[in-house]
């Protein structure tokens, strides 16, 4: 068990070094709240991202063990989008906010 705790600690340290500020390890089990995602897809909220509603994708999102045979744990990481460099003021009438992900480096490339 000590080896697993050391491994977890080492992974967390490396994740922090790489800029991730949230870290967790979860068992690779069927997703208990999958109904929310399936309803989201059924409502068409995936829009032009058709891959989110493919049969194989739906199966893998329901049971992550279908992604990698023998997988026992999932390492979950997250990092925030960069915050604006200056305080945001209320936009003039008729204008809105631009989401942080749209004005920072593409998270797929980070």
PDB file of N, CA and C in Angstrom:
ATOM      1  N   UNK A   1       0.821  -1.191   0.000  1.00  0.00           N
ATOM      2  CA  UNK A   1       0.000   0.000   0.000  1.00  0.00           C
ATOM      3  C   UNK A   1       0.869   1.260   0.000  1.00  0.00           C
ATOM      4  N   UNK A   2       2.009   1.185   0.684  1.00  0.00           N
ATOM      5  CA  UNK A   2       2.902   2.339   0.722  1.00  0.00           C
ATOM      6  C   UNK A   2       3.395   2.689  -0.672  1.00  0.00           C
ATOM      7  N   UNK A   3       3.665   1.697  -1.511  1.00  0.00           N
ATOM      8  CA  UNK A   3       4.107   1.956  -2.879  1.00  0.00           C
ATOM      9  C   UNK A   3       3.033   2.704  -3.662  1.00  0.00           C
ATOM     10  N   UNK A   4       1.752   2.345  -3.443  1.00  0.00           N
ATOM     11  CA  UNK A   4       0.661   3.033  -4.132  1.00  0.00           C
ATOM     12  C   UNK A   4       0.529   4.475  -3.644  1.00  0.00           C
ATOM     13  N   UNK A   5       0.694   4.697  -2.347  1.00  0.00           N
ATOM     14  CA  UNK A   5       0.643   6.062  -1.820  1.00  0.00           C
ATOM     15  C   UNK A   5       1.787   6.907  -2.344  1.00  0.00           C
ATOM     16  N   UNK A   6       2.973   6.309  -2.469  1.00  0.00           N
ATOM     17  CA  UNK A   6       4.135   7.015  -3.018  1.00  0.00           C
ATOM     18  C   UNK A   6       3.889   7.345  -4.485  1.00  0.00           C
ATOM     19  N   UNK A   7       3.347   6.394  -5.230  1.00  0.00           N
ATOM     20  CA  UNK A   7       3.044   6.624  -6.637  1.00  0.00           C
ATOM     21  C   UNK A   7       2.031   7.762  -6.786  1.00  0.00           C
ATOM     22  N   UNK A   8       0.977   7.736  -5.971  1.00  0.00           N
ATOM     23  CA  UNK A   8      -0.029   8.794  -6.013  1.00  0.00           C
ATOM     24  C   UNK A   8       0.606  10.152  -5.703  1.00  0.00           C
ATOM     25  N   UNK A   9       1.451  10.191  -4.707  1.00  0.00           N
ATOM     26  CA  UNK A   9       2.141  11.426  -4.331  1.00  0.00           C
ATOM     27  C   UNK A   9       3.033  11.925  -5.468  1.00  0.00           C
ATOM     28  N   UNK A  10       3.754  11.014  -6.106  1.00  0.00           N
ATOM     29  CA  UNK A  10       4.636  11.386  -7.217  1.00  0.00           C
ATOM     30  C   UNK A  10       3.835  11.924  -8.401  1.00  0.00           C
ATOM     31  N   UNK A  11       2.701  11.287  -8.708  1.00  0.00           N
ATOM     32  CA  UNK A  11       1.861  11.746  -9.817  1.00  0.00           C
ATOM     33  C   UNK A  11       1.308  13.127  -9.507  1.00  0.00           C
ATOM     34  N   UNK A  12       0.853  13.333  -8.276  1.00  0.00           N
ATOM     35  CA  UNK A  12       0.319  14.641  -7.888  1.00  0.00           C
ATOM     36  C   UNK A  12       1.388  15.723  -7.969  1.00  0.00           C
ATOM     37  N   UNK A  13       2.590  15.415  -7.525  1.00  0.00           N
ATOM     38  CA  UNK A  13       3.697  16.375  -7.600  1.00  0.00           C
ATOM     39  C   UNK A  13       3.979  16.758  -9.050  1.00  0.00           C
ATOM     40  N   UNK A  14       4.011  15.778  -9.926  1.00  0.00           N
ATOM     41  CA  UNK A  14       4.270  16.049 -11.348  1.00  0.00           C
ATOM     42  C   UNK A  14       3.118  16.827 -11.980  1.00  0.00           C
ATOM     43  N   UNK A  15       1.900  16.493 -11.615  1.00  0.00           N
ATOM     44  CA  UNK A  15       0.735  17.220 -12.130  1.00  0.00           C
ATOM     45  C   UNK A  15       0.808  18.691 -11.719  1.00  0.00           C
ATOM     46  N   UNK A  16       1.159  18.945 -10.470  1.00  0.00           N
ATOM     47  CA  UNK A  16       1.313  20.328 -10.007  1.00  0.00           C
ATOM     48  C   UNK A  16       2.430  21.038 -10.749  1.00  0.00           C
ATOM     49  N   UNK A  17       3.537  20.341 -10.977  1.00  0.00           N
ATOM     50  CA  UNK A  17       4.657  20.941 -11.703  1.00  0.00           C
ATOM     51  C   UNK A  17       4.242  21.339 -13.116  1.00  0.00           C
ATOM     52  N   UNK A  18       3.349  20.549 -13.717  1.00  0.00           N
ATOM     53  CA  UNK A  18       2.891  20.817 -15.076  1.00  0.00           C
ATOM     54  C   UNK A  18       1.784  21.878 -15.139  1.00  0.00           C
ATOM     55  N   UNK A  19       1.330  22.359 -13.986  1.00  0.00           N
ATOM     56  CA  UNK A  19       0.344  23.433 -13.968  1.00  0.00           C
ATOM     57  C   UNK A  19      -1.071  23.014 -13.632  1.00  0.00           C
ATOM     58  N   UNK A  20      -1.283  21.731 -13.361  1.00  0.00           N
ATOM     59  CA  UNK A  20      -2.619  21.292 -12.960  1.00  0.00           C
ATOM     60  C   UNK A  20      -2.820  21.645 -11.488  1.00  0.00           C
ATOM     61  N   UNK A  21      -3.973  22.192 -11.156  1.00  0.00           N
ATOM     62  CA  UNK A  21      -4.202  22.536  -9.758  1.00  0.00           C
ATOM     63  C   UNK A  21      -5.290  21.684  -9.111  1.00  0.00           C
ATOM     64  N   UNK A  22      -5.859  20.774  -9.870  1.00  0.00           N
ATOM     65  CA  UNK A  22      -6.797  19.801  -9.313  1.00  0.00           C
ATOM     66  C   UNK A  22      -6.342  18.413  -9.749  1.00  0.00           C
ATOM     67  N   UNK A  23      -6.393  17.488  -8.827  1.00  0.00           N
ATOM     68  CA  UNK A  23      -5.889  16.144  -9.069  1.00  0.00           C
ATOM     69  C   UNK A  23      -6.742  15.152  -8.298  1.00  0.00           C
ATOM     70  N   UNK A  24      -7.040  14.037  -8.931  1.00  0.00           N
ATOM     71  CA  UNK A  24      -7.759  12.988  -8.232  1.00  0.00           C
ATOM     72  C   UNK A  24      -7.570  11.653  -8.922  1.00  0.00           C
ATOM     73  N   UNK A  25      -7.826  10.606  -8.192  1.00  0.00           N
ATOM     74  CA  UNK A  25      -7.785   9.251  -8.739  1.00  0.00           C
ATOM     75  C   UNK A  25      -9.114   8.601  -8.397  1.00  0.00           C
ATOM     76  N   UNK A  26      -9.750   8.025  -9.405  1.00  0.00           N
ATOM     77  CA  UNK A  26     -11.063   7.404  -9.219  1.00  0.00           C
ATOM     78  C   UNK A  26     -11.027   5.976  -9.735  1.00  0.00           C
ATOM     79  N   UNK A  27     -11.851   5.120  -9.172  1.00  0.00           N
ATOM     80  CA  UNK A  27     -11.927   3.751  -9.697  1.00  0.00           C
ATOM     81  C   UNK A  27     -12.536   3.755 -11.096  1.00  0.00           C
ATOM     82  N   UNK A  28     -12.083   2.865 -11.928  1.00  0.00           N
ATOM     83  CA  UNK A  28     -12.607   2.740 -13.294  1.00  0.00           C
ATOM     84  C   UNK A  28     -13.860   1.877 -13.254  1.00  0.00           C
ATOM     85  N   UNK A  29     -14.985   2.541 -13.035  1.00  0.00           N
ATOM     86  CA  UNK A  29     -16.275   1.864 -12.909  1.00  0.00           C
ATOM     87  C   UNK A  29     -17.298   2.533 -13.822  1.00  0.00           C
ATOM     88  N   UNK A  30     -18.403   1.862 -14.107  1.00  0.00           N
ATOM     89  CA  UNK A  30     -19.458   2.516 -14.883  1.00  0.00           C
ATOM     90  C   UNK A  30     -19.882   3.828 -14.209  1.00  0.00           C
ATOM     91  N   UNK A  31     -20.182   4.818 -15.019  1.00  0.00           N
ATOM     92  CA  UNK A  31     -20.516   6.154 -14.527  1.00  0.00           C
ATOM     93  C   UNK A  31     -21.941   6.159 -13.965  1.00  0.00           C
ATOM     94  N   UNK A  32     -22.108   6.486 -12.683  1.00  0.00           N
ATOM     95  CA  UNK A  32     -23.439   6.403 -12.086  1.00  0.00           C
ATOM     96  C   UNK A  32     -24.428   7.466 -12.588  1.00  0.00           C
ATOM     97  N   UNK A  33     -23.951   8.637 -12.982  1.00  0.00           N
ATOM     98  CA  UNK A  33     -24.853   9.706 -13.432  1.00  0.00           C
ATOM     99  C   UNK A  33     -24.908   9.823 -14.947  1.00  0.00           C
ATOM    100  N   UNK A  34     -24.692   8.746 -15.660  1.00  0.00           N
ATOM    101  CA  UNK A  34     -24.645   8.790 -17.125  1.00  0.00           C
ATOM    102  C   UNK A  34     -25.966   9.255 -17.726  1.00  0.00           C
ATOM    103  N   UNK A  35     -27.061   9.086 -17.032  1.00  0.00           N
ATOM    104  CA  UNK A  35     -28.360   9.508 -17.567  1.00  0.00           C
ATOM    105  C   UNK A  35     -28.382  11.000 -17.900  1.00  0.00           C
ATOM    106  N   UNK A  36     -27.674  11.808 -17.119  1.00  0.00           N
ATOM    107  CA  UNK A  36     -27.615  13.252 -17.391  1.00  0.00           C
ATOM    108  C   UNK A  36     -26.952  13.501 -18.745  1.00  0.00           C
ATOM    109  N   UNK A  37     -25.852  12.799 -18.993  1.00  0.00           N
ATOM    110  CA  UNK A  37     -25.152  12.963 -20.271  1.00  0.00           C
ATOM    111  C   UNK A  37     -26.000  12.457 -21.428  1.00  0.00           C
ATOM    112  N   UNK A  38     -26.618  11.315 -21.259  1.00  0.00           N
ATOM    113  CA  UNK A  38     -27.453  10.756 -22.326  1.00  0.00           C
ATOM    114  C   UNK A  38     -28.622  11.690 -22.652  1.00  0.00           C
ATOM    115  N   UNK A  39     -29.211  12.315 -21.642  1.00  0.00           N
ATOM    116  CA  UNK A  39     -30.297  13.281 -21.875  1.00  0.00           C
ATOM    117  C   UNK A  39     -29.762  14.513 -22.597  1.00  0.00           C
ATOM    118  N   UNK A  40     -28.563  14.940 -22.259  1.00  0.00           N
ATOM    119  CA  UNK A  40     -27.912  16.090 -22.905  1.00  0.00           C
ATOM    120  C   UNK A  40     -27.726  15.805 -24.392  1.00  0.00           C
ATOM    121  N   UNK A  41     -27.249  14.602 -24.716  1.00  0.00           N
ATOM    122  CA  UNK A  41     -27.057  14.200 -26.110  1.00  0.00           C
ATOM    123  C   UNK A  41     -28.410  14.094 -26.819  1.00  0.00           C
ATOM    124  N   UNK A  42     -29.366  13.462 -26.175  1.00  0.00           N
ATOM    125  CA  UNK A  42     -30.686  13.293 -26.782  1.00  0.00           C
ATOM    126  C   UNK A  42     -31.325  14.643 -27.104  1.00  0.00           C
ATOM    127  N   UNK A  43     -31.037  15.658 -26.274  1.00  0.00           N
ATOM    128  CA  UNK A  43     -31.568  17.002 -26.507  1.00  0.00           C
ATOM    129  C   UNK A  43     -30.829  17.719 -27.647  1.00  0.00           C
ATOM    130  N   UNK A  44     -29.745  17.116 -28.142  1.00  0.00           N
ATOM    131  CA  UNK A  44     -29.003  17.699 -29.254  1.00  0.00           C
ATOM    132  C   UNK A  44     -28.002  18.768 -28.862  1.00  0.00           C
ATOM    133  N   UNK A  45     -27.651  18.851 -27.573  1.00  0.00           N
ATOM    134  CA  UNK A  45     -26.746  19.899 -27.107  1.00  0.00           C
ATOM    135  C   UNK A  45     -25.317  19.736 -27.603  1.00  0.00           C
ATOM    136  N   UNK A  46     -24.980  18.583 -28.171  1.00  0.00           N
ATOM    137  CA  UNK A  46     -23.632  18.398 -28.706  1.00  0.00           C
ATOM    138  C   UNK A  46     -23.456  19.139 -30.028  1.00  0.00           C
ATOM    139  N   UNK A  47     -24.551  19.632 -30.599  1.00  0.00           N
ATOM    140  CA  UNK A  47     -24.549  20.441 -31.831  1.00  0.00           C
ATOM    141  C   UNK A  47     -23.728  19.753 -32.922  1.00  0.00           C
ATOM    142  N   UNK A  48     -22.720  20.443 -33.438  1.00  0.00           N
ATOM    143  CA  UNK A  48     -21.950  19.901 -34.560  1.00  0.00           C
ATOM    144  C   UNK A  48     -20.856  18.919 -34.124  1.00  0.00           C
ATOM    145  N   UNK A  49     -20.750  18.671 -32.826  1.00  0.00           N
ATOM    146  CA  UNK A  49     -19.731  17.736 -32.330  1.00  0.00           C
ATOM    147  C   UNK A  49     -20.317  16.322 -32.323  1.00  0.00           C
ATOM    148  N   UNK A  50     -20.590  15.803 -33.509  1.00  0.00           N
ATOM    149  CA  UNK A  50     -21.253  14.520 -33.677  1.00  0.00           C
ATOM    150  C   UNK A  50     -20.554  13.353 -33.011  1.00  0.00           C
ATOM    151  N   UNK A  51     -19.252  13.451 -32.842  1.00  0.00           N
ATOM    152  CA  UNK A  51     -18.513  12.355 -32.214  1.00  0.00           C
ATOM    153  C   UNK A  51     -19.003  12.099 -30.785  1.00  0.00           C
ATOM    154  N   UNK A  52     -19.603  13.108 -30.147  1.00  0.00           N
ATOM    155  CA  UNK A  52     -20.091  12.937 -28.775  1.00  0.00           C
ATOM    156  C   UNK A  52     -21.327  12.052 -28.692  1.00  0.00           C
ATOM    157  N   UNK A  53     -21.991  11.854 -29.824  1.00  0.00           N
ATOM    158  CA  UNK A  53     -23.199  11.034 -29.813  1.00  0.00           C
ATOM    159  C   UNK A  53     -23.030   9.715 -30.570  1.00  0.00           C
ATOM    160  N   UNK A  54     -21.806   9.421 -31.033  1.00  0.00           N
ATOM    161  CA  UNK A  54     -21.576   8.137 -31.696  1.00  0.00           C
ATOM    162  C   UNK A  54     -21.800   6.997 -30.708  1.00  0.00           C
ATOM    163  N   UNK A  55     -22.252   5.871 -31.224  1.00  0.00           N
ATOM    164  CA  UNK A  55     -22.542   4.717 -30.370  1.00  0.00           C
ATOM    165  C   UNK A  55     -21.320   4.281 -29.566  1.00  0.00           C
ATOM    166  N   UNK A  56     -20.140   4.247 -30.202  1.00  0.00           N
ATOM    167  CA  UNK A  56     -18.933   3.823 -29.476  1.00  0.00           C
ATOM    168  C   UNK A  56     -18.559   4.834 -28.394  1.00  0.00           C
ATOM    169  N   UNK A  57     -18.742   6.110 -28.668  1.00  0.00           N
ATOM    170  CA  UNK A  57     -18.429   7.137 -27.676  1.00  0.00           C
ATOM    171  C   UNK A  57     -19.380   7.034 -26.485  1.00  0.00           C
ATOM    172  N   UNK A  58     -20.665   6.841 -26.771  1.00  0.00           N
ATOM    173  CA  UNK A  58     -21.640   6.717 -25.684  1.00  0.00           C
ATOM    174  C   UNK A  58     -21.311   5.524 -24.794  1.00  0.00           C
ATOM    175  N   UNK A  59     -20.919   4.421 -25.403  1.00  0.00           N
ATOM    176  CA  UNK A  59     -20.568   3.226 -24.620  1.00  0.00           C
ATOM    177  C   UNK A  59     -19.358   3.508 -23.735  1.00  0.00           C
ATOM    178  N   UNK A  60     -18.330   4.159 -24.282  1.00  0.00           N
ATOM    179  CA  UNK A  60     -17.113   4.445 -23.507  1.00  0.00           C
ATOM    180  C   UNK A  60     -17.375   5.451 -22.400  1.00  0.00           C
ATOM    181  N   UNK A  61     -18.267   6.404 -22.642  1.00  0.00           N
ATOM    182  CA  UNK A  61     -18.596   7.372 -21.592  1.00  0.00           C
ATOM    183  C   UNK A  61     -19.402   6.722 -20.478  1.00  0.00           C
ATOM    184  N   UNK A  62     -20.091   5.640 -20.783  1.00  0.00           N
ATOM    185  CA  UNK A  62     -20.854   4.937 -19.758  1.00  0.00           C
ATOM    186  C   UNK A  62     -19.961   4.028 -18.919  1.00  0.00           C
ATOM    187  N   UNK A  63     -18.911   3.486 -19.542  1.00  0.00           N
ATOM    188  CA  UNK A  63     -18.031   2.550 -18.842  1.00  0.00           C
ATOM    189  C   UNK A  63     -16.598   2.760 -19.319  1.00  0.00           C
ATOM    190  N   UNK A  64     -15.792   3.504 -18.559  1.00  0.00           N
ATOM    191  CA  UNK A  64     -14.422   3.808 -18.997  1.00  0.00           C
ATOM    192  C   UNK A  64     -13.534   2.581 -19.177  1.00  0.00           C
ATOM    193  N   UNK A  65     -13.950   1.438 -18.655  1.00  0.00           N
ATOM    194  CA  UNK A  65     -13.145   0.223 -18.838  1.00  0.00           C
ATOM    195  C   UNK A  65     -13.128  -0.214 -20.296  1.00  0.00           C
ATOM    196  N   UNK A  66     -14.074   0.322 -21.108  1.00  0.00           N
ATOM    197  CA  UNK A  66     -14.095   0.000 -22.539  1.00  0.00           C
ATOM    198  C   UNK A  66     -13.015   0.765 -23.306  1.00  0.00           C
ATOM    199  N   UNK A  67     -12.452   1.786 -22.700  1.00  0.00           N
ATOM    200  CA  UNK A  67     -11.410   2.583 -23.353  1.00  0.00           C
ATOM    201  C   UNK A  67     -10.072   1.855 -23.300  1.00  0.00           C
ATOM    202  N   UNK A  68      -9.762   1.295 -22.146  1.00  0.00           N
ATOM    203  CA  UNK A  68      -8.479   0.601 -21.962  1.00  0.00           C
ATOM    204  C   UNK A  68      -8.730  -0.668 -21.158  1.00  0.00           C
ATOM    205  N   UNK A  69      -8.598  -1.802 -21.825  1.00  0.00           N
ATOM    206  CA  UNK A  69      -8.841  -3.084 -21.178  1.00  0.00           C
ATOM    207  C   UNK A  69      -7.943  -3.242 -19.959  1.00  0.00           C
ATOM    208  N   UNK A  70      -8.531  -3.649 -18.868  1.00  0.00           N
ATOM    209  CA  UNK A  70      -7.772  -3.876 -17.641  1.00  0.00           C
ATOM    210  C   UNK A  70      -7.547  -2.623 -16.806  1.00  0.00           C
ATOM    211  N   UNK A  71      -8.049  -1.483 -17.265  1.00  0.00           N
ATOM    212  CA  UNK A  71      -7.879  -0.233 -16.515  1.00  0.00           C
ATOM    213  C   UNK A  71      -8.559  -0.362 -15.150  1.00  0.00           C
ATOM    214  N   UNK A  72      -7.855   0.018 -14.096  1.00  0.00           N
ATOM    215  CA  UNK A  72      -8.401  -0.086 -12.748  1.00  0.00           C
ATOM    216  C   UNK A  72      -8.667   1.270 -12.107  1.00  0.00           C
ATOM    217  N   UNK A  73      -7.915   2.295 -12.498  1.00  0.00           N
ATOM    218  CA  UNK A  73      -8.051   3.633 -11.916  1.00  0.00           C
ATOM    219  C   UNK A  73      -7.961   4.677 -13.026  1.00  0.00           C
ATOM    220  N   UNK A  74      -8.613   5.811 -12.783  1.00  0.00           N
ATOM    221  CA  UNK A  74      -8.555   6.949 -13.696  1.00  0.00           C
ATOM    222  C   UNK A  74      -7.847   8.088 -12.978  1.00  0.00           C
ATOM    223  N   UNK A  75      -6.896   8.703 -13.659  1.00  0.00           N
ATOM    224  CA  UNK A  75      -6.228   9.887 -13.127  1.00  0.00           C
ATOM    225  C   UNK A  75      -6.946  11.086 -13.729  1.00  0.00           C
ATOM    226  N   UNK A  76      -7.480  11.929 -12.859  1.00  0.00           N
ATOM    227  CA  UNK A  76      -8.264  13.084 -13.300  1.00  0.00           C
ATOM    228  C   UNK A  76      -7.508  14.358 -12.956  1.00  0.00           C
ATOM    229  N   UNK A  77      -7.321  15.206 -13.970  1.00  0.00           N
ATOM    230  CA  UNK A  77      -6.567  16.450 -13.800  1.00  0.00           C
ATOM    231  C   UNK A  77      -7.378  17.615 -14.324  1.00  0.00           C
ATOM    232  N   UNK A  78      -7.172  18.788 -13.742  1.00  0.00           N
ATOM    233  CA  UNK A  78      -7.847  19.990 -14.236  1.00  0.00           C
ATOM    234  C   UNK A  78      -6.965  21.200 -13.990  1.00  0.00           C
ATOM    235  N   UNK A  79      -7.113  22.175 -14.872  1.00  0.00           N
ATOM    236  CA  UNK A  79      -6.440  23.455 -14.688  1.00  0.00           C
ATOM    237  C   UNK A  79      -7.402  24.548 -15.133  1.00  0.00           C
ATOM    238  N   UNK A  80      -7.340  25.699 -14.475  1.00  0.00           N
ATOM    239  CA  UNK A  80      -8.254  26.773 -14.847  1.00  0.00           C
ATOM    240  C   UNK A  80      -7.783  27.481 -16.115  1.00  0.00           C
ATOM    241  N   UNK A  81      -8.722  28.107 -16.799  1.00  0.00           N
ATOM    242  CA  UNK A  81      -8.349  28.993 -17.887  1.00  0.00           C
ATOM    243  C   UNK A  81      -7.635  30.186 -17.273  1.00  0.00           C
ATOM    244  N   UNK A  82      -6.766  30.808 -18.067  1.00  0.00           N
ATOM    245  CA  UNK A  82      -6.100  32.010 -17.570  1.00  0.00           C
ATOM    246  C   UNK A  82      -7.136  33.080 -17.267  1.00  0.00           C
ATOM    247  N   UNK A  83      -6.930  33.756 -16.172  1.00  0.00           N
ATOM    248  CA  UNK A  83      -7.819  34.846 -15.791  1.00  0.00           C
ATOM    249  C   UNK A  83      -7.443  36.087 -16.602  1.00  0.00           C
ATOM    250  N   UNK A  84      -8.384  36.986 -16.830  1.00  0.00           N
ATOM    251  CA  UNK A  84      -8.069  38.232 -17.540  1.00  0.00           C
ATOM    252  C   UNK A  84      -6.966  38.997 -16.818  1.00  0.00           C
ATOM    253  N   UNK A  85      -6.138  39.703 -17.570  1.00  0.00           N
ATOM    254  CA  UNK A  85      -5.031  40.462 -16.998  1.00  0.00           C
ATOM    255  C   UNK A  85      -5.502  41.745 -16.331  1.00  0.00           C
ATOM    256  N   UNK A  86      -6.692  42.178 -16.658  1.00  0.00           N
ATOM    257  CA  UNK A  86      -7.217  43.404 -16.053  1.00  0.00           C
ATOM    258  C   UNK A  86      -8.645  43.159 -15.589  1.00  0.00           C
ATOM    259  N   UNK A  87      -9.103  44.004 -14.706  1.00  0.00           N
ATOM    260  CA  UNK A  87     -10.473  43.886 -14.219  1.00  0.00           C
ATOM    261  C   UNK A  87     -11.439  44.140 -15.363  1.00  0.00           C
ATOM    262  N   UNK A  88     -12.471  43.333 -15.454  1.00  0.00           N
ATOM    263  CA  UNK A  88     -13.473  43.504 -16.494  1.00  0.00           C
ATOM    264  C   UNK A  88     -14.536  44.492 -16.033  1.00  0.00           C
ATOM    265  N   UNK A  89     -14.915  45.361 -16.946  1.00  0.00           N
ATOM    266  CA  UNK A  89     -15.985  46.305 -16.659  1.00  0.00           C
ATOM    267  C   UNK A  89     -17.251  45.803 -17.329  1.00  0.00           C
ATOM    268  N   UNK A  90     -18.373  46.283 -16.850  1.00  0.00           N
ATOM    269  CA  UNK A  90     -19.650  45.910 -17.446  1.00  0.00           C
ATOM    270  C   UNK A  90     -19.624  46.320 -18.922  1.00  0.00           C
ATOM    271  N   UNK A  91     -19.946  45.384 -19.839  1.00  0.00           N
ATOM    272  CA  UNK A  91     -19.911  45.745 -21.262  1.00  0.00           C
ATOM    273  C   UNK A  91     -21.016  46.745 -21.602  1.00  0.00           C
ATOM    274  N   UNK A  92     -20.768  47.582 -22.640  1.00  0.00           N
ATOM    275  CA  UNK A  92     -21.806  48.531 -23.058  1.00  0.00           C
ATOM    276  C   UNK A  92     -23.080  47.796 -23.465  1.00  0.00           C
ATOM    277  N   UNK A  93     -24.218  48.481 -23.400  1.00  0.00           N
ATOM    278  CA  UNK A  93     -25.507  47.876 -23.731  1.00  0.00           C
ATOM    279  C   UNK A  93     -25.478  47.129 -25.054  1.00  0.00           C
ATOM    280  N   UNK A  94     -26.082  45.944 -25.060  1.00  0.00           N
ATOM    281  CA  UNK A  94     -26.158  45.139 -26.275  1.00  0.00           C
ATOM    282  C   UNK A  94     -24.943  44.266 -26.519  1.00  0.00           C
ATOM    283  N   UNK A  95     -23.898  44.398 -25.721  1.00  0.00           N
ATOM    284  CA  UNK A  95     -22.694  43.576 -25.877  1.00  0.00           C
ATOM    285  C   UNK A  95     -22.589  42.603 -24.717  1.00  0.00           C
ATOM    286  N   UNK A  96     -21.831  41.550 -24.908  1.00  0.00           N
ATOM    287  CA  UNK A  96     -21.682  40.547 -23.867  1.00  0.00           C
ATOM    288  C   UNK A  96     -20.232  40.242 -23.596  1.00  0.00           C
ATOM    289  N   UNK A  97     -20.018  39.250 -22.783  1.00  0.00           N
ATOM    290  CA  UNK A  97     -18.681  38.817 -22.403  1.00  0.00           C
ATOM    291  C   UNK A  97     -18.144  37.810 -23.418  1.00  0.00           C
ATOM    292  N   UNK A  98     -16.841  37.760 -23.546  1.00  0.00           N
ATOM    293  CA  UNK A  98     -16.179  36.719 -24.325  1.00  0.00           C
ATOM    294  C   UNK A  98     -15.638  35.718 -23.311  1.00  0.00           C
ATOM    295  N   UNK A  99     -15.971  34.463 -23.494  1.00  0.00           N
ATOM    296  CA  UNK A  99     -15.569  33.436 -22.550  1.00  0.00           C
ATOM    297  C   UNK A  99     -14.048  33.337 -22.458  1.00  0.00           C
ATOM    298  N   UNK A 100     -13.559  33.040 -21.260  1.00  0.00           N
ATOM    299  CA  UNK A 100     -12.114  32.955 -21.024  1.00  0.00           C
ATOM    300  C   UNK A 100     -11.442  31.962 -21.959  1.00  0.00           C
ATOM    301  N   UNK A 101     -12.089  30.831 -22.263  1.00  0.00           N
ATOM    302  CA  UNK A 101     -11.443  29.843 -23.118  1.00  0.00           C
ATOM    303  C   UNK A 101     -11.231  30.362 -24.533  1.00  0.00           C
ATOM    304  N   UNK A 102     -12.006  31.369 -24.928  1.00  0.00           N
ATOM    305  CA  UNK A 102     -11.901  31.903 -26.288  1.00  0.00           C
ATOM    306  C   UNK A 102     -10.799  32.949 -26.430  1.00  0.00           C
ATOM    307  N   UNK A 103     -10.271  33.446 -25.331  1.00  0.00           N
ATOM    308  CA  UNK A 103      -9.249  34.490 -25.413  1.00  0.00           C
ATOM    309  C   UNK A 103      -7.912  34.037 -24.829  1.00  0.00           C
ATOM    310  N   UNK A 104      -7.795  32.759 -24.526  1.00  0.00           N
ATOM    311  CA  UNK A 104      -6.538  32.223 -24.018  1.00  0.00           C
ATOM    312  C   UNK A 104      -6.038  31.143 -24.969  1.00  0.00           C
ATOM    313  N   UNK A 105      -4.866  30.656 -24.703  1.00  0.00           N
ATOM    314  CA  UNK A 105      -4.295  29.596 -25.521  1.00  0.00           C
ATOM    315  C   UNK A 105      -5.207  28.374 -25.507  1.00  0.00           C
ATOM    316  N   UNK A 106      -5.358  27.723 -26.660  1.00  0.00           N
ATOM    317  CA  UNK A 106      -6.249  26.578 -26.791  1.00  0.00           C
ATOM    318  C   UNK A 106      -5.829  25.467 -25.817  1.00  0.00           C
ATOM    319  N   UNK A 107      -6.740  25.104 -24.935  1.00  0.00           N
ATOM    320  CA  UNK A 107      -6.407  24.100 -23.920  1.00  0.00           C
ATOM    321  C   UNK A 107      -6.060  22.749 -24.515  1.00  0.00           C
ATOM    322  N   UNK A 108      -6.494  22.474 -25.752  1.00  0.00           N
ATOM    323  CA  UNK A 108      -6.113  21.212 -26.388  1.00  0.00           C
ATOM    324  C   UNK A 108      -4.620  21.178 -26.685  1.00  0.00           C
ATOM    325  N   UNK A 109      -4.028  22.352 -26.881  1.00  0.00           N
ATOM    326  CA  UNK A 109      -2.593  22.420 -27.176  1.00  0.00           C
ATOM    327  C   UNK A 109      -1.736  22.457 -25.922  1.00  0.00           C
ATOM    328  N   UNK A 110      -2.320  22.895 -24.822  1.00  0.00           N
ATOM    329  CA  UNK A 110      -1.546  22.971 -23.574  1.00  0.00           C
ATOM    330  C   UNK A 110      -1.302  21.570 -23.062  1.00  0.00           C
TER     331      UNK A 110
END
